[in-house]
Each structure stands twice: as structure tokens, then as C-alpha cells.
C-alpha atoms as a PDB file:
ATOM      1  CA  TYR A   1       6.736  -7.992  -4.129  1.00  0.00           C
ATOM      2  CA  ASN A   2       8.551 -11.132  -3.019  1.00  0.00           C
ATOM      3  CA  ASN A   3      12.079 -11.361  -4.507  1.00  0.00           C
ATOM      4  CA  MET A   4      11.761  -7.877  -6.037  1.00  0.00           C
ATOM      5  CA  TYR A   5      13.747  -4.743  -5.271  1.00  0.00           C
ATOM      6  CA  ILE A   6      11.444  -1.825  -4.382  1.00  0.00           C
ATOM      7  CA  ASP A   7      12.868   1.678  -4.933  1.00  0.00           C
ATOM      8  CA  TYR A   8       9.831   3.825  -4.108  1.00  0.00           C
ATOM      9  CA  ASP A   9      11.503   7.234  -4.223  1.00  0.00           C
ATOM     10  CA  GLY A  10      14.231   6.571  -6.788  1.00  0.00           C
ATOM     11  CA  CYS A  11      16.933   7.653  -4.297  1.00  0.00           C
ATOM     12  CA  TYR A  12      19.774   5.564  -2.859  1.00  0.00           C
ATOM     13  CA  GLY A  13      18.513   2.316  -4.410  1.00  0.00           C
ATOM     14  CA  ALA A  14      16.204  -0.231  -2.797  1.00  0.00           C
ATOM     15  CA  GLN A  15      16.276   0.532   0.929  1.00  0.00           C
ATOM     16  CA  CYS A  16      14.191  -0.842   3.793  1.00  0.00           C
ATOM     17  CA  TRP A  17      12.342   2.505   3.802  1.00  0.00           C
ATOM     18  CA  ASP A  18      11.142   1.977   0.216  1.00  0.00           C
ATOM     19  CA  LEU A  19       9.392  -1.305   1.037  1.00  0.00           C
ATOM     20  CA  ALA A  20       7.846   0.251   4.144  1.00  0.00           C
ATOM     21  CA  GLN A  21       6.558   3.211   2.113  1.00  0.00           C
ATOM     22  CA  LYS A  22       4.884   0.807  -0.356  1.00  0.00           C
ATOM     23  CA  TYR A  23       3.318  -1.063   2.567  1.00  0.00           C
ATOM     24  CA  PHE A  24       2.156   2.144   4.278  1.00  0.00           C
ATOM     25  CA  THR A  25       0.505   3.567   1.156  1.00  0.00           C
ATOM     26  CA  GLU A  26      -0.769   0.469  -0.661  1.00  0.00           C
ATOM     27  CA  VAL A  27      -1.729  -1.874   2.160  1.00  0.00           C
ATOM     28  CA  LEU A  28      -2.332   0.262   5.250  1.00  0.00           C
ATOM     29  CA  ASP A  29      -3.786   3.293   3.407  1.00  0.00           C
ATOM     30  CA  VAL A  30      -1.482   5.690   5.243  1.00  0.00           C
ATOM     31  CA  PRO A  31      -0.631   8.960   3.453  1.00  0.00           C
ATOM     32  CA  GLU A  32       2.788   9.097   1.821  1.00  0.00           C
ATOM     33  CA  TRP A  33       3.897  12.113   3.869  1.00  0.00           C
ATOM     34  CA  VAL A  34       3.764  10.146   7.143  1.00  0.00           C
ATOM     35  CA  LEU A  35       6.949   8.210   6.344  1.00  0.00           C
ATOM     36  CA  SER A  36       8.538  10.521   3.784  1.00  0.00           C
ATOM     37  CA  GLY A  37      11.085  13.101   4.830  1.00  0.00           C
ATOM     38  CA  CYS A  38      12.369  11.133   7.815  1.00  0.00           C
ATOM     39  CA  GLY A  39      15.954  10.655   6.563  1.00  0.00           C
ATOM     40  CA  TYR A  40      17.102   7.657   8.568  1.00  0.00           C
ATOM     41  CA  VAL A  41      14.057   5.556   9.383  1.00  0.00           C
ATOM     42  CA  SER A  42      14.935   5.684  13.096  1.00  0.00           C
ATOM     43  CA  ASN A  43      13.982   9.380  12.958  1.00  0.00           C
ATOM     44  CA  MET A  44      10.360   8.168  12.882  1.00  0.00           C
ATOM     45  CA  LEU A  45      10.868   7.510  16.597  1.00  0.00           C
ATOM     46  CA  ARG A  46      11.647  11.199  17.276  1.00  0.00           C
ATOM     47  CA  GLU A  47       9.736  14.453  16.980  1.00  0.00           C
ATOM     48  CA  PRO A  48       8.419  15.789  14.694  1.00  0.00           C
ATOM     49  CA  LYS A  49       8.019  12.543  12.674  1.00  0.00           C
ATOM     50  CA  ARG A  50       6.867  10.647  15.781  1.00  0.00           C
ATOM     51  CA  ASN A  51       3.701  12.782  15.786  1.00  0.00           C
ATOM     52  CA  ASP A  52       2.997  11.672  12.208  1.00  0.00           C
ATOM     53  CA  LEU A  53       3.545   8.035  13.178  1.00  0.00           C
ATOM     54  CA  ASN A  54       1.348   8.342  16.279  1.00  0.00           C
ATOM     55  CA  ALA A  55      -1.521   9.764  14.230  1.00  0.00           C
ATOM     56  CA  TYR A  56      -1.859   6.460  12.314  1.00  0.00           C
ATOM     57  CA  PHE A  57      -0.233   3.829  14.561  1.00  0.00           C
ATOM     58  CA  ASP A  58      -0.336   2.613  18.139  1.00  0.00           C
ATOM     59  CA  GLU A  59       2.901   1.427  19.702  1.00  0.00           C
ATOM     60  CA  VAL A  60       2.560  -2.186  20.867  1.00  0.00           C
ATOM     61  CA  SER A  61       4.805  -4.360  22.997  1.00  0.00           C
ATOM     62  CA  VAL A  62       7.369  -6.349  21.023  1.00  0.00           C
ATOM     63  CA  TYR A  63       6.038  -9.329  23.025  1.00  0.00           C
ATOM     64  CA  ASN A  64       2.509  -8.770  21.690  1.00  0.00           C
ATOM     65  CA  MET A  65       3.063  -8.253  17.959  1.00  0.00           C
ATOM     66  CA  ASP A  66       0.736  -9.467  15.227  1.00  0.00           C
ATOM     67  CA  GLN A  67       1.426 -10.265  11.599  1.00  0.00           C
ATOM     68  CA  GLY A  68       1.581  -7.019   9.648  1.00  0.00           C
ATOM     69  CA  ASP A  69       2.882  -4.882  12.511  1.00  0.00           C
ATOM     70  CA  VAL A  70       5.628  -2.448  11.536  1.00  0.00           C
ATOM     71  CA  CYS A  71       8.928  -2.748  13.414  1.00  0.00           C
ATOM     72  CA  ILE A  72      11.491   0.038  13.582  1.00  0.00           C
ATOM     73  CA  TRP A  73      15.001  -0.437  14.945  1.00  0.00           C
ATOM     74  CA  ASP A  74      16.732   2.524  16.538  1.00  0.00           C
ATOM     75  CA  ASP A  75      20.412   3.405  16.253  1.00  0.00           C
ATOM     76  CA  PRO A  76      23.071   2.151  15.703  1.00  0.00           C
ATOM     77  CA  THR A  77      21.400   0.019  12.986  1.00  0.00           C
ATOM     78  CA  PRO A  78      18.256   1.867  11.837  1.00  0.00           C
ATOM     79  CA  HIS A  79      15.881  -0.448   9.974  1.00  0.00           C
ATOM     80  CA  ILE A  80      12.174  -0.915   9.282  1.00  0.00           C
ATOM     81  CA  ALA A  81      10.432  -4.188   8.440  1.00  0.00           C
ATOM     82  CA  ILE A  82       7.007  -5.829   8.527  1.00  0.00           C
ATOM     83  CA  LEU A  83       6.396  -8.677  10.949  1.00  0.00           C
ATOM     84  CA  ASP A  84       5.489 -11.889   9.121  1.00  0.00           C
ATOM     85  CA  ASN A  85       5.452 -14.495  11.892  1.00  0.00           C
ATOM     86  CA  TRP A  86       6.895 -15.965  15.052  1.00  0.00           C
ATOM     87  CA  ASP A  87       7.758 -19.639  14.564  1.00  0.00           C
ATOM     88  CA  GLY A  88       8.231 -20.385  18.267  1.00  0.00           C
ATOM     89  CA  ASN A  89      11.964 -19.722  18.086  1.00  0.00           C
ATOM     90  CA  SER A  90      12.496 -16.688  15.847  1.00  0.00           C
ATOM     91  CA  LEU A  91      10.770 -13.614  14.504  1.00  0.00           C
ATOM     92  CA  TRP A  92      10.448 -13.490  10.705  1.00  0.00           C
ATOM     93  CA  PHE A  93       9.985 -10.222   8.832  1.00  0.00           C
ATOM     94  CA  PHE A  94       9.140  -9.149   5.291  1.00  0.00           C
ATOM     95  CA  SER A  95      12.111  -6.911   4.575  1.00  0.00           C
ATOM     96  CA  GLN A  96      14.648  -5.724   2.024  1.00  0.00           C
ATOM     97  CA  ASN A  97      18.192  -4.302   2.030  1.00  0.00           C
ATOM     98  CA  PRO A  98      20.654  -5.477   1.020  1.00  0.00           C
ATOM     99  CA  ASN A  99      18.595  -8.385  -0.303  1.00  0.00           C
ATOM    100  CA  PRO A 100      15.428  -8.169  -2.418  1.00  0.00           C
ATOM    101  CA  CYS A 101      12.074  -8.272  -0.597  1.00  0.00           C
ATOM    102  CA  GLN A 102      11.670 -11.555   1.245  1.00  0.00           C
ATOM    103  CA  VAL A 103      10.662 -13.135   4.541  1.00  0.00           C
ATOM    104  CA  MET A 104      13.801 -13.225   6.664  1.00  0.00           C
ATOM    105  CA  GLN A 105      15.179 -12.827  10.163  1.00  0.00           C
ATOM    106  CA  CYS A 106      16.443  -9.377  11.105  1.00  0.00           C
ATOM    107  CA  ASP A 107      19.055  -9.665  13.809  1.00  0.00           C
ATOM    108  CA  LEU A 108      20.030  -6.033  14.180  1.00  0.00           C
ATOM    109  CA  ALA A 109      21.703  -4.047  16.915  1.00  0.00           C
ATOM    110  CA  GLY A 110      19.659  -1.372  18.640  1.00  0.00           C
ATOM    111  CA  THR A 111      16.226  -1.325  20.203  1.00  0.00           C
ATOM    112  CA  MET A 112      13.204  -2.541  18.233  1.00  0.00           C
ATOM    113  CA  TYR A 113       9.843  -0.775  18.489  1.00  0.00           C
ATOM    114  CA  ALA A 114       6.572  -2.204  17.147  1.00  0.00           C
ATOM    115  CA  PHE A 115       3.611  -0.296  15.724  1.00  0.00           C
ATOM    116  CA  ARG A 116       0.120  -1.388  14.683  1.00  0.00           C
ATOM    117  CA  ARG A 117      -2.142   0.551  12.327  1.00  0.00           C
ATOM    118  CA  LYS A 118      -4.942   2.246  14.267  1.00  0.00           C
ATOM    119  CA  LYS A 119      -8.452   1.015  13.559  1.00  0.00           C
ATOM    120  CA  THR A 120      -9.684   4.562  12.970  1.00  0.00           C
ATOM    121  CA  THR A 121      -8.145   7.099  10.629  1.00  0.00           C
ATOM    122  CA  PRO A 122      -7.449  10.595  11.972  1.00  0.00           C
ATOM    123  CA  ASP A 123      -9.114  13.544  10.312  1.00  0.00           C
ATOM    124  CA  ILE A 124      -5.971  14.597   8.439  1.00  0.00           C
ATOM    125  CA  PRO A 125      -5.892  15.300   4.700  1.00  0.00           C
ATOM    126  CA  LYS A 126      -4.225  12.690   2.468  1.00  0.00           C
ATOM    127  CA  GLU A 127      -1.820  15.218   0.987  1.00  0.00           C
ATOM    128  CA  VAL A 128      -0.268  17.999   3.007  1.00  0.00           C
ATOM    129  CA  THR A 129       1.788  20.643   1.273  1.00  0.00           C
ATOM    130  CA  PRO A 130       2.043  23.479   3.791  1.00  0.00           C
ATOM    131  CA  ASN A 131       3.408  26.820   2.630  1.00  0.00           C
ATOM    132  CA  VAL A 132       3.567  25.781  -1.029  1.00  0.00           C
ATOM    133  CA  GLU A 133       1.834  27.380  -4.014  1.00  0.00           C
ATOM    134  CA  LYS A 134       1.633  25.350  -7.225  1.00  0.00           C
ATOM    135  CA  ASP A 135       1.534  26.929 -10.694  1.00  0.00           C
ATOM    136  CA  GLU A 136       0.586  24.106 -13.085  1.00  0.00           C
ATOM    137  CA  SER A 137       0.898  26.339 -16.167  1.00  0.00           C
ATOM    138  CA  LYS A 138       4.601  26.940 -15.475  1.00  0.00           C
ATOM    139  CA  ASN A 139       5.224  23.508 -13.870  1.00  0.00           C
ATOM    140  CA  GLN A 140       6.611  25.314 -10.816  1.00  0.00           C
ATOM    141  CA  VAL A 141       6.106  25.382  -7.077  1.00  0.00           C
ATOM    142  CA  LYS A 142       6.750  28.376  -4.857  1.00  0.00           C
ATOM    143  CA  VAL A 143       7.667  27.945  -1.195  1.00  0.00           C
ATOM    144  CA  LYS A 144       6.080  30.702   0.912  1.00  0.00           C
ATOM    145  CA  ASP A 145       8.473  30.457   3.874  1.00  0.00           C
ATOM    146  CA  ASN A 146      11.509  32.697   4.298  1.00  0.00           C
ATOM    147  CA  ILE A 147      13.958  30.132   2.955  1.00  0.00           C
ATOM    148  CA  THR A 148      17.056  31.822   1.569  1.00  0.00           C
ATOM    149  CA  GLU A 149      19.013  28.780   0.413  1.00  0.00           C
ATOM    150  CA  LEU A 150      18.352  25.106  -0.312  1.00  0.00           C
ATOM    151  CA  ARG A 151      21.209  22.669   0.342  1.00  0.00           C
ATOM    152  CA  VAL A 152      21.667  19.384  -1.494  1.00  0.00           C
ATOM    153  CA  ARG A 153      23.620  16.782   0.458  1.00  0.00           C
ATOM    154  CA  SER A 154      25.382  13.604  -0.656  1.00  0.00           C
ATOM    155  CA  ASN A 155      23.299  11.503   1.803  1.00  0.00           C
ATOM    156  CA  PRO A 156      19.968  12.081   3.582  1.00  0.00           C
ATOM    157  CA  ASN A 157      21.383  13.448   6.848  1.00  0.00           C
ATOM    158  CA  THR A 158      22.690  16.746   8.116  1.00  0.00           C
ATOM    159  CA  ASP A 159      26.220  15.407   8.614  1.00  0.00           C
ATOM    160  CA  SER A 160      26.724  14.704   4.896  1.00  0.00           C
ATOM    161  CA  GLU A 161      28.743  16.847   2.532  1.00  0.00           C
ATOM    162  CA  ILE A 162      26.850  19.679   0.827  1.00  0.00           C
ATOM    163  CA  ILE A 163      27.209  19.003  -2.901  1.00  0.00           C
ATOM    164  CA  GLY A 164      25.078  21.844  -4.207  1.00  0.00           C
ATOM    165  CA  THR A 165      22.900  24.827  -3.314  1.00  0.00           C
ATOM    166  CA  ALA A 166      19.997  26.630  -4.885  1.00  0.00           C
ATOM    167  CA  THR A 167      18.155  29.866  -4.227  1.00  0.00           C
ATOM    168  CA  PRO A 168      14.365  29.459  -4.142  1.00  0.00           C
END
């Protein structure tokens, strides 16, 4: 994927999250739902997404990282990248946004956390769709929860403007 733009979910263009999702699913064999639905990637550091992360990764010291470890920066500059190497002076990451995928330095504000894929896989199904019934014949899904309204926002956070609503 070097020098390519990865837009995994087709939303908001090629973000750091998109490259991480490709890496999680294609290289680390981590289910898609672990990273999806986090909004800002720094939300992976908070419940409930932290539980998903902890099921597949161990947190490691930033002073003891190995090539391939996943690094997440917390606010004010949320970011996620894959450690490539330490050259004795600087950390180099495989990353994207705003640039295409490439090995680069990521000098970002905020605290960096490092995670390494666990050696064993938890006994969790690959696809989790709780409270959803699928009707293939009608190409529809039905949510079983008591949701009365769905809100569509201009950006993936709860502070963004609501630009549309739907009734399930």
C-alpha cells in the first residue's frame, strides 16, 4: 500500500483510521468491528472500545515497541499509525493522512500509547451484529432495540451538526 491512499470505509476520504483498519483485518486478522464505530481513533483508548482493543492487543511501553506495533495518539491530535522502525534517533511509522501511505515520522501533540497483537485470539466471533435481524429477500435489516430516531451528523462525533434523521 506504499504511496497509495486507503479509504476503507468510503467516508471522509483517506484517514489514518482507514490504513489501520486494513492492517487490523488483513495483516493482524482482527475482526473489523474492533476498530469500527470508534469515531475519533482516540476513542479506542476509552470504554467501551477499549474493551474491544484489549481483547486482541496488549498495551506495551512506548520504550519497548517492536515493528508492527500499533500506536494511538490521544487528544488533542488523535492519530493511529504502525511502527516501522527506530533508527537510533527517531521513530518511523507507516501512516497516512494527509499524505498517502508511507513510512514517515509522526510528531504529534498528545500522549502516544502502543499496542501489540496478542499471541492468542479470544473466543469471540468474527462478526458481531447484536440486536439485528437480516432479511436477505428484502435487502433489509431490522434493529431490535427501542431506537426511536437515527441521527445523521456532518462529522463522526456527537458535537457535529445533525444533517438528517430517520425513523427505524
